[in-house]
Amino acid sequence: MTHQIITDLNNRYTAKKYDQEKRITAEDMDVIKEAIRLSASSINSQPWKFIIIESDEAKQRFHDSFANNFQFNQPHAKQASHTILFAYNPRFTKEQYKKVVDVEVTSGHLPAEMYDNMLNGGFTFTEMNTDDTGYNGYWTKAQTYIALGNALHTLARLGIDSTPMEGVDAQLIGELFKEELDGYVVDVALAMGYHNDTEDYNHGLPKARLSTEDVITIL
């Protein structure tokens, strides 16, 4: 199949070793930031924060978060050009959703007379995913994976390598980035940059995916 989207996805892979001398340009970072901001989410909830690690100080903090677990991902903390921490709100409230509905109206997307319908009707779906203690992190966490998938394709289109990492220590990240996270939780991160030509053993290998017949059913 010949199509730019398919080419992007065939070229995308999980980088295993980065060239720490190569940096993502400010212009490309602007595209990446806007792309994740525009990501879809259930009821347009946007229950997330994206913490972008760029400075040496922040990279050291992220590096330190691997002190107890997942040391195989630790080199990416300093070698990758940037890393995004995908943080979710584990206790998303109606008051926080109200901010989204406000933007729906001010942007012109939602007629003002539909405000209450969206606020109350939309939040009903959140309530369906909230337990008796107010926890809805399983649902809000799922929204961050939509943004992660969007970021992966954006990076592939830009020709930037990446490594999605569920191997991160949520508890230690929460402590080391407490001020920035303000109660949000990080269970997945995305290292970004350019692979090391001589040391990245995963680069250039053929794609390994199940067949179309194995994963797609047409009714």
N, C-alpha and C. Protein backbone atom coordinates (compact mmCIF):
# COMPACT_ATOMS: atom_id res chain seq x y z
N MET A 1 0.84 -1.20 0.00
CA MET A 1 0.00 0.00 0.00
C MET A 1 0.88 1.24 0.00
N THR A 2 0.54 2.21 -0.84
CA THR A 2 1.29 3.46 -0.91
C THR A 2 0.43 4.60 -0.39
N HIS A 3 0.75 5.07 0.78
CA HIS A 3 0.04 6.20 1.37
C HIS A 3 0.94 6.80 2.45
N GLN A 4 0.93 8.12 2.58
CA GLN A 4 1.84 8.76 3.53
C GLN A 4 1.59 8.29 4.96
N ILE A 5 0.34 8.08 5.34
CA ILE A 5 0.04 7.60 6.69
C ILE A 5 0.68 6.24 6.93
N ILE A 6 0.55 5.34 5.96
CA ILE A 6 1.12 4.00 6.10
C ILE A 6 2.65 4.07 6.12
N THR A 7 3.20 4.95 5.33
CA THR A 7 4.66 5.14 5.36
C THR A 7 5.11 5.60 6.73
N ASP A 8 4.39 6.58 7.29
CA ASP A 8 4.72 7.07 8.64
C ASP A 8 4.72 5.93 9.64
N LEU A 9 3.67 5.12 9.61
CA LEU A 9 3.51 4.07 10.61
C LEU A 9 4.50 2.92 10.41
N ASN A 10 4.87 2.67 9.17
CA ASN A 10 5.91 1.67 8.92
C ASN A 10 7.28 2.14 9.38
N ASN A 11 7.51 3.44 9.28
CA ASN A 11 8.80 4.00 9.69
C ASN A 11 8.91 4.13 11.21
N ARG A 12 7.77 4.27 11.89
CA ARG A 12 7.80 4.42 13.34
C ARG A 12 8.24 3.13 14.01
N TYR A 13 9.07 3.24 15.02
CA TYR A 13 9.50 2.08 15.80
C TYR A 13 9.90 2.58 17.17
N THR A 14 10.19 1.68 18.08
CA THR A 14 10.60 2.04 19.43
C THR A 14 12.12 2.13 19.50
N ALA A 15 12.62 3.34 19.65
CA ALA A 15 14.07 3.54 19.72
C ALA A 15 14.62 2.96 21.02
N LYS A 16 15.78 2.34 20.94
CA LYS A 16 16.41 1.72 22.11
C LYS A 16 17.66 2.46 22.58
N LYS A 17 18.18 3.33 21.73
CA LYS A 17 19.39 4.08 22.09
C LYS A 17 19.38 5.41 21.35
N TYR A 18 19.57 6.50 22.10
CA TYR A 18 19.50 7.84 21.51
C TYR A 18 20.88 8.47 21.35
N ASP A 19 20.97 9.34 20.37
CA ASP A 19 22.14 10.19 20.18
C ASP A 19 21.88 11.46 20.98
N GLN A 20 22.52 11.60 22.13
CA GLN A 20 22.21 12.72 23.01
C GLN A 20 22.75 14.05 22.51
N GLU A 21 23.51 14.03 21.41
CA GLU A 21 23.99 15.28 20.83
C GLU A 21 22.95 15.90 19.89
N LYS A 22 21.96 15.12 19.49
CA LYS A 22 20.95 15.62 18.55
C LYS A 22 19.72 16.08 19.31
N ARG A 23 19.27 17.29 18.99
CA ARG A 23 18.14 17.89 19.69
C ARG A 23 16.98 18.15 18.73
N ILE A 24 15.78 18.01 19.24
CA ILE A 24 14.59 18.38 18.48
C ILE A 24 14.53 19.90 18.41
N THR A 25 14.25 20.43 17.23
CA THR A 25 14.21 21.89 17.06
C THR A 25 13.03 22.49 17.80
N ALA A 26 13.14 23.77 18.09
CA ALA A 26 12.04 24.48 18.76
C ALA A 26 10.80 24.48 17.89
N GLU A 27 10.99 24.57 16.57
CA GLU A 27 9.86 24.57 15.65
C GLU A 27 9.12 23.24 15.70
N ASP A 28 9.86 22.13 15.71
CA ASP A 28 9.21 20.82 15.80
C ASP A 28 8.55 20.63 17.17
N MET A 29 9.17 21.14 18.22
CA MET A 29 8.56 21.02 19.54
C MET A 29 7.24 21.78 19.60
N ASP A 30 7.15 22.90 18.90
CA ASP A 30 5.89 23.65 18.86
C ASP A 30 4.79 22.81 18.21
N VAL A 31 5.15 22.09 17.15
CA VAL A 31 4.18 21.21 16.49
C VAL A 31 3.75 20.09 17.43
N ILE A 32 4.70 19.49 18.12
CA ILE A 32 4.40 18.39 19.04
C ILE A 32 3.48 18.86 20.16
N LYS A 33 3.79 20.00 20.75
CA LYS A 33 2.97 20.53 21.84
C LYS A 33 1.55 20.82 21.38
N GLU A 34 1.42 21.40 20.19
CA GLU A 34 0.08 21.71 19.70
C GLU A 34 -0.68 20.43 19.35
N ALA A 35 0.03 19.44 18.82
CA ALA A 35 -0.61 18.17 18.47
C ALA A 35 -1.19 17.48 19.71
N ILE A 36 -0.43 17.42 20.80
CA ILE A 36 -0.97 16.75 21.99
C ILE A 36 -2.08 17.57 22.62
N ARG A 37 -1.99 18.89 22.52
CA ARG A 37 -3.07 19.73 23.05
C ARG A 37 -4.38 19.47 22.31
N LEU A 38 -4.28 19.17 21.03
CA LEU A 38 -5.46 18.95 20.19
C LEU A 38 -5.98 17.52 20.26
N SER A 39 -5.39 16.68 21.09
CA SER A 39 -5.81 15.28 21.17
C SER A 39 -7.27 15.15 21.61
N ALA A 40 -7.90 14.10 21.12
CA ALA A 40 -9.28 13.81 21.50
C ALA A 40 -9.32 13.23 22.91
N SER A 41 -10.49 13.35 23.56
CA SER A 41 -10.72 12.71 24.86
C SER A 41 -12.22 12.53 25.04
N SER A 42 -12.59 11.55 25.83
CA SER A 42 -14.00 11.28 26.09
C SER A 42 -14.70 12.51 26.66
N ILE A 43 -15.85 12.84 26.13
CA ILE A 43 -16.64 14.04 26.45
C ILE A 43 -15.79 15.32 26.44
N ASN A 44 -14.70 15.29 25.69
CA ASN A 44 -13.76 16.41 25.62
C ASN A 44 -13.26 16.80 27.00
N SER A 45 -13.09 15.80 27.86
CA SER A 45 -12.76 16.06 29.27
C SER A 45 -11.38 16.66 29.47
N GLN A 46 -10.40 16.22 28.65
CA GLN A 46 -9.02 16.72 28.76
C GLN A 46 -8.50 16.66 30.20
N PRO A 47 -8.61 15.49 30.85
CA PRO A 47 -8.23 15.40 32.27
C PRO A 47 -6.75 15.13 32.46
N TRP A 48 -5.92 15.93 31.80
CA TRP A 48 -4.50 15.62 31.72
C TRP A 48 -3.61 16.83 31.89
N LYS A 49 -2.35 16.54 32.12
CA LYS A 49 -1.26 17.52 32.01
C LYS A 49 -0.14 16.83 31.25
N PHE A 50 0.57 17.60 30.44
CA PHE A 50 1.72 17.07 29.71
C PHE A 50 2.96 17.80 30.21
N ILE A 51 3.80 17.11 30.95
CA ILE A 51 5.01 17.69 31.50
C ILE A 51 6.15 17.38 30.53
N ILE A 52 6.72 18.42 29.91
CA ILE A 52 7.78 18.22 28.93
C ILE A 52 9.14 18.43 29.60
N ILE A 53 9.93 17.38 29.60
CA ILE A 53 11.26 17.42 30.21
C ILE A 53 12.28 17.82 29.15
N GLU A 54 12.90 18.96 29.36
CA GLU A 54 13.81 19.53 28.38
C GLU A 54 15.16 19.93 28.99
N SER A 55 15.11 20.54 30.17
CA SER A 55 16.33 21.06 30.79
C SER A 55 17.15 19.94 31.42
N ASP A 56 18.43 20.21 31.64
CA ASP A 56 19.30 19.24 32.29
C ASP A 56 18.82 18.94 33.70
N GLU A 57 18.30 19.95 34.39
CA GLU A 57 17.82 19.77 35.76
C GLU A 57 16.62 18.83 35.79
N ALA A 58 15.68 19.01 34.87
CA ALA A 58 14.51 18.15 34.81
C ALA A 58 14.90 16.74 34.38
N LYS A 59 15.85 16.63 33.46
CA LYS A 59 16.32 15.31 33.04
C LYS A 59 16.95 14.55 34.21
N GLN A 60 17.67 15.27 35.06
CA GLN A 60 18.28 14.62 36.22
C GLN A 60 17.20 14.11 37.17
N ARG A 61 16.18 14.91 37.38
CA ARG A 61 15.08 14.47 38.24
C ARG A 61 14.41 13.22 37.68
N PHE A 62 14.16 13.23 36.37
CA PHE A 62 13.54 12.07 35.75
C PHE A 62 14.46 10.86 35.84
N HIS A 63 15.75 11.08 35.63
CA HIS A 63 16.76 10.02 35.77
C HIS A 63 16.70 9.42 37.18
N ASP A 64 16.56 10.28 38.18
CA ASP A 64 16.52 9.83 39.57
C ASP A 64 15.27 9.01 39.88
N SER A 65 14.22 9.19 39.08
CA SER A 65 12.97 8.46 39.33
C SER A 65 13.09 6.97 39.03
N PHE A 66 14.19 6.56 38.42
CA PHE A 66 14.42 5.14 38.12
C PHE A 66 15.28 4.46 39.18
N ALA A 67 15.41 5.09 40.33
CA ALA A 67 16.30 4.56 41.37
C ALA A 67 15.89 3.17 41.84
N ASN A 68 14.59 2.90 41.86
CA ASN A 68 14.11 1.64 42.43
C ASN A 68 13.61 0.63 41.40
N ASN A 69 13.16 1.12 40.26
CA ASN A 69 12.53 0.25 39.27
C ASN A 69 12.83 0.70 37.84
N PHE A 70 12.70 -0.25 36.93
CA PHE A 70 12.73 0.01 35.49
C PHE A 70 14.02 0.67 35.01
N GLN A 71 15.14 0.21 35.56
CA GLN A 71 16.43 0.81 35.19
C GLN A 71 16.75 0.67 33.70
N PHE A 72 16.11 -0.28 33.02
CA PHE A 72 16.36 -0.44 31.59
C PHE A 72 15.93 0.79 30.79
N ASN A 73 15.01 1.59 31.34
CA ASN A 73 14.59 2.82 30.68
C ASN A 73 15.37 4.05 31.14
N GLN A 74 16.17 3.91 32.17
CA GLN A 74 16.85 5.06 32.77
C GLN A 74 17.75 5.83 31.78
N PRO A 75 18.50 5.15 30.89
CA PRO A 75 19.36 5.91 29.97
C PRO A 75 18.60 6.92 29.11
N HIS A 76 17.35 6.62 28.78
CA HIS A 76 16.57 7.54 27.95
C HIS A 76 16.36 8.89 28.63
N ALA A 77 16.38 8.89 29.96
CA ALA A 77 16.10 10.12 30.71
C ALA A 77 17.06 11.24 30.33
N LYS A 78 18.32 10.90 30.12
CA LYS A 78 19.32 11.92 29.79
C LYS A 78 19.71 11.91 28.31
N GLN A 79 19.62 10.76 27.67
CA GLN A 79 20.07 10.67 26.29
C GLN A 79 19.05 11.20 25.29
N ALA A 80 17.76 11.03 25.57
CA ALA A 80 16.74 11.53 24.66
C ALA A 80 16.74 13.05 24.66
N SER A 81 16.34 13.63 23.55
CA SER A 81 16.28 15.09 23.46
C SER A 81 15.26 15.66 24.44
N HIS A 82 14.07 15.08 24.45
CA HIS A 82 12.97 15.51 25.32
C HIS A 82 12.20 14.27 25.77
N THR A 83 11.46 14.43 26.85
CA THR A 83 10.53 13.39 27.29
C THR A 83 9.24 14.06 27.70
N ILE A 84 8.12 13.43 27.35
CA ILE A 84 6.81 13.92 27.81
C ILE A 84 6.29 12.98 28.88
N LEU A 85 5.90 13.54 30.02
CA LEU A 85 5.19 12.78 31.05
C LEU A 85 3.69 12.99 30.82
N PHE A 86 2.98 11.91 30.59
CA PHE A 86 1.53 11.98 30.37
C PHE A 86 0.84 11.79 31.72
N ALA A 87 0.34 12.87 32.27
CA ALA A 87 -0.22 12.83 33.62
C ALA A 87 -1.75 12.93 33.57
N TYR A 88 -2.41 12.13 34.39
CA TYR A 88 -3.87 12.16 34.43
C TYR A 88 -4.37 12.56 35.81
N ASN A 89 -5.56 13.16 35.82
CA ASN A 89 -6.21 13.57 37.05
C ASN A 89 -6.99 12.38 37.60
N PRO A 90 -6.61 11.84 38.76
CA PRO A 90 -7.28 10.64 39.26
C PRO A 90 -8.64 10.92 39.90
N ARG A 91 -8.95 12.21 40.09
CA ARG A 91 -10.22 12.58 40.72
C ARG A 91 -10.82 13.78 39.98
N PHE A 92 -11.21 13.52 38.74
CA PHE A 92 -11.76 14.55 37.87
C PHE A 92 -13.15 14.93 38.36
N THR A 93 -13.37 16.24 38.60
CA THR A 93 -14.62 16.70 39.20
C THR A 93 -15.47 17.49 38.21
N LYS A 94 -16.71 17.68 38.59
CA LYS A 94 -17.63 18.46 37.75
C LYS A 94 -17.17 19.91 37.64
N GLU A 95 -16.59 20.44 38.70
CA GLU A 95 -16.08 21.80 38.66
C GLU A 95 -14.95 21.92 37.64
N GLN A 96 -14.12 20.91 37.55
CA GLN A 96 -13.04 20.92 36.56
C GLN A 96 -13.60 20.75 35.14
N TYR A 97 -14.64 19.93 35.01
CA TYR A 97 -15.27 19.78 33.70
C TYR A 97 -15.94 21.08 33.26
N LYS A 98 -16.41 21.85 34.21
CA LYS A 98 -17.04 23.14 33.90
C LYS A 98 -16.09 24.04 33.11
N LYS A 99 -14.80 23.98 33.42
CA LYS A 99 -13.81 24.78 32.69
C LYS A 99 -13.79 24.40 31.21
N VAL A 100 -13.94 23.10 30.94
CA VAL A 100 -13.99 22.63 29.55
C VAL A 100 -15.23 23.16 28.86
N VAL A 101 -16.37 23.07 29.54
CA VAL A 101 -17.63 23.53 28.93
C VAL A 101 -17.58 25.03 28.70
N ASP A 102 -16.95 25.78 29.59
CA ASP A 102 -16.77 27.21 29.37
C ASP A 102 -16.04 27.48 28.05
N VAL A 103 -14.98 26.70 27.81
CA VAL A 103 -14.22 26.86 26.56
C VAL A 103 -15.05 26.43 25.36
N GLU A 104 -15.89 25.41 25.54
CA GLU A 104 -16.78 25.00 24.45
C GLU A 104 -17.62 26.19 23.96
N VAL A 105 -18.11 26.98 24.90
CA VAL A 105 -18.96 28.13 24.55
C VAL A 105 -18.13 29.28 23.99
N THR A 106 -17.05 29.65 24.69
CA THR A 106 -16.26 30.81 24.25
C THR A 106 -15.59 30.58 22.91
N SER A 107 -15.31 29.30 22.56
CA SER A 107 -14.70 29.00 21.27
C SER A 107 -15.70 29.06 20.12
N GLY A 108 -16.99 29.07 20.47
CA GLY A 108 -18.02 29.05 19.44
C GLY A 108 -18.45 27.65 19.05
N HIS A 109 -17.87 26.65 19.69
CA HIS A 109 -18.22 25.26 19.36
C HIS A 109 -19.59 24.87 19.90
N LEU A 110 -19.93 25.39 21.09
CA LEU A 110 -21.19 25.03 21.75
C LEU A 110 -22.08 26.26 21.90
N PRO A 111 -23.34 26.20 21.41
CA PRO A 111 -24.27 27.31 21.65
C PRO A 111 -24.47 27.52 23.15
N ALA A 112 -24.52 28.75 23.58
CA ALA A 112 -24.62 29.06 25.00
C ALA A 112 -25.83 28.41 25.65
N GLU A 113 -26.92 28.29 24.89
CA GLU A 113 -28.13 27.72 25.47
C GLU A 113 -28.00 26.21 25.72
N MET A 114 -26.91 25.59 25.19
CA MET A 114 -26.69 24.16 25.41
C MET A 114 -25.72 23.89 26.56
N TYR A 115 -25.32 24.96 27.25
CA TYR A 115 -24.30 24.85 28.30
C TYR A 115 -24.69 23.81 29.36
N ASP A 116 -25.86 23.96 29.94
CA ASP A 116 -26.26 23.06 31.02
C ASP A 116 -26.41 21.63 30.53
N ASN A 117 -26.90 21.47 29.31
CA ASN A 117 -27.05 20.12 28.76
C ASN A 117 -25.71 19.40 28.68
N MET A 118 -24.68 20.12 28.21
CA MET A 118 -23.37 19.49 28.08
C MET A 118 -22.74 19.26 29.45
N LEU A 119 -22.86 20.26 30.34
CA LEU A 119 -22.25 20.13 31.67
C LEU A 119 -22.84 18.95 32.42
N ASN A 120 -24.15 18.88 32.47
CA ASN A 120 -24.79 17.83 33.26
C ASN A 120 -24.83 16.50 32.52
N GLY A 121 -25.17 16.55 31.23
CA GLY A 121 -25.24 15.32 30.46
C GLY A 121 -23.87 14.69 30.25
N GLY A 122 -22.90 15.53 29.91
CA GLY A 122 -21.55 15.01 29.68
C GLY A 122 -20.95 14.43 30.95
N PHE A 123 -21.15 15.11 32.06
CA PHE A 123 -20.52 14.64 33.29
C PHE A 123 -21.16 13.36 33.81
N THR A 124 -22.36 13.06 33.34
CA THR A 124 -22.98 11.79 33.72
C THR A 124 -22.08 10.62 33.35
N PHE A 125 -21.39 10.74 32.20
CA PHE A 125 -20.49 9.67 31.77
C PHE A 125 -19.31 9.57 32.73
N THR A 126 -18.83 10.70 33.22
CA THR A 126 -17.76 10.67 34.23
C THR A 126 -18.23 9.97 35.49
N GLU A 127 -19.43 10.30 35.91
CA GLU A 127 -19.98 9.69 37.13
C GLU A 127 -20.10 8.18 36.99
N MET A 128 -20.38 7.71 35.79
CA MET A 128 -20.46 6.26 35.56
C MET A 128 -19.12 5.59 35.79
N ASN A 129 -18.04 6.36 35.68
CA ASN A 129 -16.68 5.82 35.82
C ASN A 129 -16.01 6.28 37.11
N THR A 130 -16.79 6.72 38.08
CA THR A 130 -16.28 7.23 39.35
C THR A 130 -16.78 6.36 40.49
N ASP A 131 -15.87 5.94 41.39
CA ASP A 131 -16.31 5.10 42.50
C ASP A 131 -16.79 5.94 43.67
N ASP A 132 -17.13 5.29 44.74
CA ASP A 132 -17.73 5.97 45.89
C ASP A 132 -16.78 6.94 46.58
N THR A 133 -15.47 6.78 46.33
CA THR A 133 -14.50 7.68 46.96
C THR A 133 -14.17 8.89 46.08
N GLY A 134 -14.74 8.92 44.88
CA GLY A 134 -14.44 10.01 43.95
C GLY A 134 -13.31 9.70 42.98
N TYR A 135 -12.82 8.46 43.03
CA TYR A 135 -11.71 8.07 42.14
C TYR A 135 -12.24 7.67 40.76
N ASN A 136 -11.67 8.27 39.73
CA ASN A 136 -12.00 7.88 38.36
C ASN A 136 -10.74 7.78 37.50
N GLY A 137 -9.64 7.45 38.15
CA GLY A 137 -8.34 7.40 37.48
C GLY A 137 -8.23 6.36 36.39
N TYR A 138 -8.98 5.25 36.50
CA TYR A 138 -8.91 4.26 35.42
C TYR A 138 -9.43 4.85 34.11
N TRP A 139 -10.44 5.70 34.23
CA TRP A 139 -11.04 6.33 33.06
C TRP A 139 -10.17 7.49 32.55
N THR A 140 -9.70 8.34 33.45
CA THR A 140 -8.90 9.48 33.01
C THR A 140 -7.54 9.02 32.47
N LYS A 141 -6.99 7.96 33.06
CA LYS A 141 -5.73 7.42 32.55
C LYS A 141 -5.89 6.97 31.10
N ALA A 142 -7.04 6.36 30.79
CA ALA A 142 -7.27 5.89 29.42
C ALA A 142 -7.22 7.04 28.42
N GLN A 143 -7.61 8.23 28.84
CA GLN A 143 -7.59 9.38 27.93
C GLN A 143 -6.15 9.74 27.53
N THR A 144 -5.20 9.53 28.44
CA THR A 144 -3.81 9.88 28.12
C THR A 144 -3.25 9.00 27.02
N TYR A 145 -3.80 7.79 26.87
CA TYR A 145 -3.31 6.91 25.82
C TYR A 145 -3.79 7.35 24.44
N ILE A 146 -4.91 8.04 24.39
CA ILE A 146 -5.33 8.65 23.12
C ILE A 146 -4.31 9.71 22.72
N ALA A 147 -3.91 10.54 23.68
CA ALA A 147 -2.91 11.57 23.41
C ALA A 147 -1.56 10.96 23.05
N LEU A 148 -1.22 9.85 23.70
CA LEU A 148 0.05 9.17 23.41
C LEU A 148 0.06 8.67 21.97
N GLY A 149 -1.03 8.04 21.53
CA GLY A 149 -1.10 7.56 20.16
C GLY A 149 -0.99 8.70 19.16
N ASN A 150 -1.64 9.81 19.48
CA ASN A 150 -1.56 10.99 18.62
C ASN A 150 -0.13 11.49 18.54
N ALA A 151 0.56 11.51 19.67
CA ALA A 151 1.95 11.96 19.70
C ALA A 151 2.86 11.04 18.88
N LEU A 152 2.64 9.74 18.97
CA LEU A 152 3.47 8.79 18.24
C LEU A 152 3.38 9.01 16.73
N HIS A 153 2.18 9.24 16.24
CA HIS A 153 2.04 9.46 14.80
C HIS A 153 2.61 10.82 14.41
N THR A 154 2.41 11.82 15.25
CA THR A 154 2.98 13.15 14.97
C THR A 154 4.49 13.06 14.85
N LEU A 155 5.13 12.35 15.78
CA LEU A 155 6.58 12.21 15.74
C LEU A 155 7.04 11.46 14.50
N ALA A 156 6.30 10.42 14.13
CA ALA A 156 6.66 9.67 12.92
C ALA A 156 6.59 10.57 11.70
N ARG A 157 5.58 11.41 11.66
CA ARG A 157 5.44 12.32 10.52
C ARG A 157 6.60 13.31 10.46
N LEU A 158 7.10 13.71 11.63
CA LEU A 158 8.20 14.67 11.70
C LEU A 158 9.56 14.01 11.53
N GLY A 159 9.59 12.67 11.48
CA GLY A 159 10.87 11.97 11.37
C GLY A 159 11.65 11.95 12.67
N ILE A 160 10.94 12.01 13.79
CA ILE A 160 11.57 12.00 15.11
C ILE A 160 11.33 10.64 15.76
N ASP A 161 12.37 10.06 16.34
CA ASP A 161 12.26 8.76 16.99
C ASP A 161 11.65 8.90 18.38
N SER A 162 11.12 7.79 18.88
CA SER A 162 10.46 7.85 20.19
C SER A 162 10.46 6.50 20.88
N THR A 163 10.23 6.55 22.19
CA THR A 163 10.15 5.34 23.01
C THR A 163 9.03 5.52 24.03
N PRO A 164 7.86 4.89 23.80
CA PRO A 164 6.82 4.93 24.84
C PRO A 164 7.23 4.05 26.01
N MET A 165 7.05 4.57 27.22
CA MET A 165 7.54 3.86 28.41
C MET A 165 6.46 3.76 29.48
N GLU A 166 5.90 2.55 29.63
CA GLU A 166 5.07 2.28 30.80
C GLU A 166 5.96 1.86 31.97
N GLY A 167 7.21 1.56 31.66
CA GLY A 167 8.17 1.23 32.71
C GLY A 167 8.69 2.48 33.39
N VAL A 168 7.81 3.14 34.13
CA VAL A 168 8.18 4.31 34.92
C VAL A 168 7.60 4.15 36.32
N ASP A 169 8.22 4.77 37.29
CA ASP A 169 7.82 4.65 38.69
C ASP A 169 6.88 5.79 39.05
N ALA A 170 5.58 5.53 39.00
CA ALA A 170 4.59 6.58 39.23
C ALA A 170 4.75 7.24 40.61
N GLN A 171 5.05 6.43 41.62
CA GLN A 171 5.17 6.97 42.97
C GLN A 171 6.36 7.92 43.09
N LEU A 172 7.51 7.50 42.57
CA LEU A 172 8.70 8.33 42.69
C LEU A 172 8.61 9.56 41.79
N ILE A 173 8.03 9.41 40.61
CA ILE A 173 7.80 10.58 39.75
C ILE A 173 6.89 11.56 40.48
N GLY A 174 5.88 11.04 41.15
CA GLY A 174 4.97 11.90 41.90
C GLY A 174 5.68 12.71 42.98
N GLU A 175 6.71 12.11 43.58
CA GLU A 175 7.47 12.81 44.61
C GLU A 175 8.43 13.82 44.01
N LEU A 176 9.13 13.42 42.95
CA LEU A 176 10.17 14.28 42.36
C LEU A 176 9.60 15.42 41.53
N PHE A 177 8.37 15.24 41.05
CA PHE A 177 7.71 16.29 40.25
C PHE A 177 6.41 16.73 40.94
N LYS A 178 6.43 16.70 42.26
CA LYS A 178 5.21 16.98 43.04
C LYS A 178 4.61 18.34 42.71
N GLU A 179 5.46 19.35 42.62
CA GLU A 179 4.95 20.71 42.39
C GLU A 179 4.29 20.82 41.02
N GLU A 180 4.93 20.26 40.01
CA GLU A 180 4.39 20.37 38.66
C GLU A 180 3.12 19.52 38.47
N LEU A 181 3.08 18.36 39.12
CA LEU A 181 1.96 17.45 38.93
C LEU A 181 0.74 17.84 39.75
N ASP A 182 0.95 18.38 40.94
CA ASP A 182 -0.15 18.86 41.78
C ASP A 182 -1.26 17.82 41.90
N GLY A 183 -0.89 16.60 42.20
CA GLY A 183 -1.87 15.55 42.43
C GLY A 183 -2.16 14.68 41.23
N TYR A 184 -1.71 15.07 40.06
CA TYR A 184 -1.89 14.25 38.87
C TYR A 184 -0.89 13.07 38.93
N VAL A 185 -1.15 12.04 38.15
CA VAL A 185 -0.37 10.80 38.22
C VAL A 185 0.21 10.48 36.84
N VAL A 186 1.45 9.99 36.83
CA VAL A 186 2.13 9.60 35.59
C VAL A 186 2.36 8.10 35.57
N ASP A 187 1.72 7.40 34.64
CA ASP A 187 1.95 5.97 34.47
C ASP A 187 2.61 5.65 33.13
N VAL A 188 2.77 6.66 32.27
CA VAL A 188 3.41 6.45 30.99
C VAL A 188 4.14 7.72 30.57
N ALA A 189 5.29 7.53 29.92
CA ALA A 189 6.09 8.65 29.43
C ALA A 189 6.54 8.35 28.02
N LEU A 190 6.97 9.38 27.30
CA LEU A 190 7.41 9.22 25.92
C LEU A 190 8.73 9.94 25.71
N ALA A 191 9.80 9.16 25.55
CA ALA A 191 11.10 9.73 25.21
C ALA A 191 11.11 10.05 23.71
N MET A 192 11.80 11.15 23.34
CA MET A 192 11.79 11.60 21.95
C MET A 192 13.18 12.10 21.58
N GLY A 193 13.56 11.89 20.34
CA GLY A 193 14.86 12.37 19.88
C GLY A 193 15.27 11.67 18.61
N TYR A 194 16.55 11.37 18.49
CA TYR A 194 17.09 10.75 17.29
C TYR A 194 17.98 9.57 17.69
N HIS A 195 17.75 8.44 17.04
CA HIS A 195 18.44 7.22 17.45
C HIS A 195 19.95 7.31 17.21
N ASN A 196 20.67 6.52 17.98
CA ASN A 196 22.11 6.38 17.80
C ASN A 196 22.35 5.38 16.66
N ASP A 197 23.00 5.85 15.61
CA ASP A 197 23.15 5.03 14.39
C ASP A 197 23.87 3.71 14.64
N THR A 198 24.81 3.69 15.56
CA THR A 198 25.62 2.48 15.75
C THR A 198 25.16 1.60 16.90
N GLU A 199 24.34 2.14 17.83
CA GLU A 199 24.01 1.38 19.03
C GLU A 199 22.53 1.02 19.18
N ASP A 200 21.67 1.57 18.32
CA ASP A 200 20.25 1.26 18.43
C ASP A 200 19.96 -0.01 17.63
N TYR A 201 19.92 -1.14 18.33
CA TYR A 201 19.75 -2.43 17.67
C TYR A 201 18.36 -2.62 17.06
N ASN A 202 17.40 -1.79 17.45
CA ASN A 202 16.03 -1.96 16.97
C ASN A 202 15.76 -1.20 15.67
N HIS A 203 16.66 -0.31 15.32
CA HIS A 203 16.44 0.52 14.14
C HIS A 203 16.62 -0.28 12.85
N GLY A 204 15.68 -0.09 11.91
CA GLY A 204 15.81 -0.71 10.60
C GLY A 204 15.31 -2.13 10.49
N LEU A 205 14.83 -2.71 11.58
CA LEU A 205 14.31 -4.07 11.53
C LEU A 205 12.93 -4.08 10.89
N PRO A 206 12.54 -5.19 10.26
CA PRO A 206 11.22 -5.25 9.63
C PRO A 206 10.10 -5.18 10.66
N LYS A 207 8.96 -4.67 10.23
CA LYS A 207 7.80 -4.56 11.10
C LYS A 207 7.26 -5.94 11.45
N ALA A 208 6.84 -6.14 12.68
CA ALA A 208 6.28 -7.42 13.09
C ALA A 208 4.87 -7.18 13.64
N ARG A 209 3.88 -7.39 12.83
CA ARG A 209 2.49 -7.20 13.24
C ARG A 209 1.66 -8.40 12.79
N LEU A 210 0.61 -8.69 13.53
CA LEU A 210 -0.32 -9.75 13.12
C LEU A 210 -0.96 -9.36 11.79
N SER A 211 -1.46 -10.35 11.08
CA SER A 211 -2.06 -10.10 9.78
C SER A 211 -3.38 -9.35 9.92
N THR A 212 -3.81 -8.72 8.83
CA THR A 212 -5.09 -8.02 8.80
C THR A 212 -6.21 -8.98 9.22
N GLU A 213 -6.18 -10.21 8.72
CA GLU A 213 -7.23 -11.18 9.02
C GLU A 213 -7.29 -11.53 10.51
N ASP A 214 -6.15 -11.44 11.18
CA ASP A 214 -6.11 -11.77 12.61
C ASP A 214 -6.73 -10.68 13.49
N VAL A 215 -6.70 -9.44 13.02
CA VAL A 215 -7.09 -8.34 13.91
C VAL A 215 -8.27 -7.52 13.43
N ILE A 216 -8.69 -7.69 12.19
CA ILE A 216 -9.80 -6.89 11.67
C ILE A 216 -10.91 -7.80 11.18
N THR A 217 -12.12 -7.53 11.66
CA THR A 217 -13.31 -8.26 11.24
C THR A 217 -14.26 -7.28 10.57
N ILE A 218 -14.68 -7.61 9.35
CA ILE A 218 -15.62 -6.76 8.62
C ILE A 218 -16.97 -7.45 8.60
N LEU A 219 -17.98 -6.75 9.07
CA LEU A 219 -19.34 -7.33 9.14
C LEU A 219 -20.25 -6.72 8.09
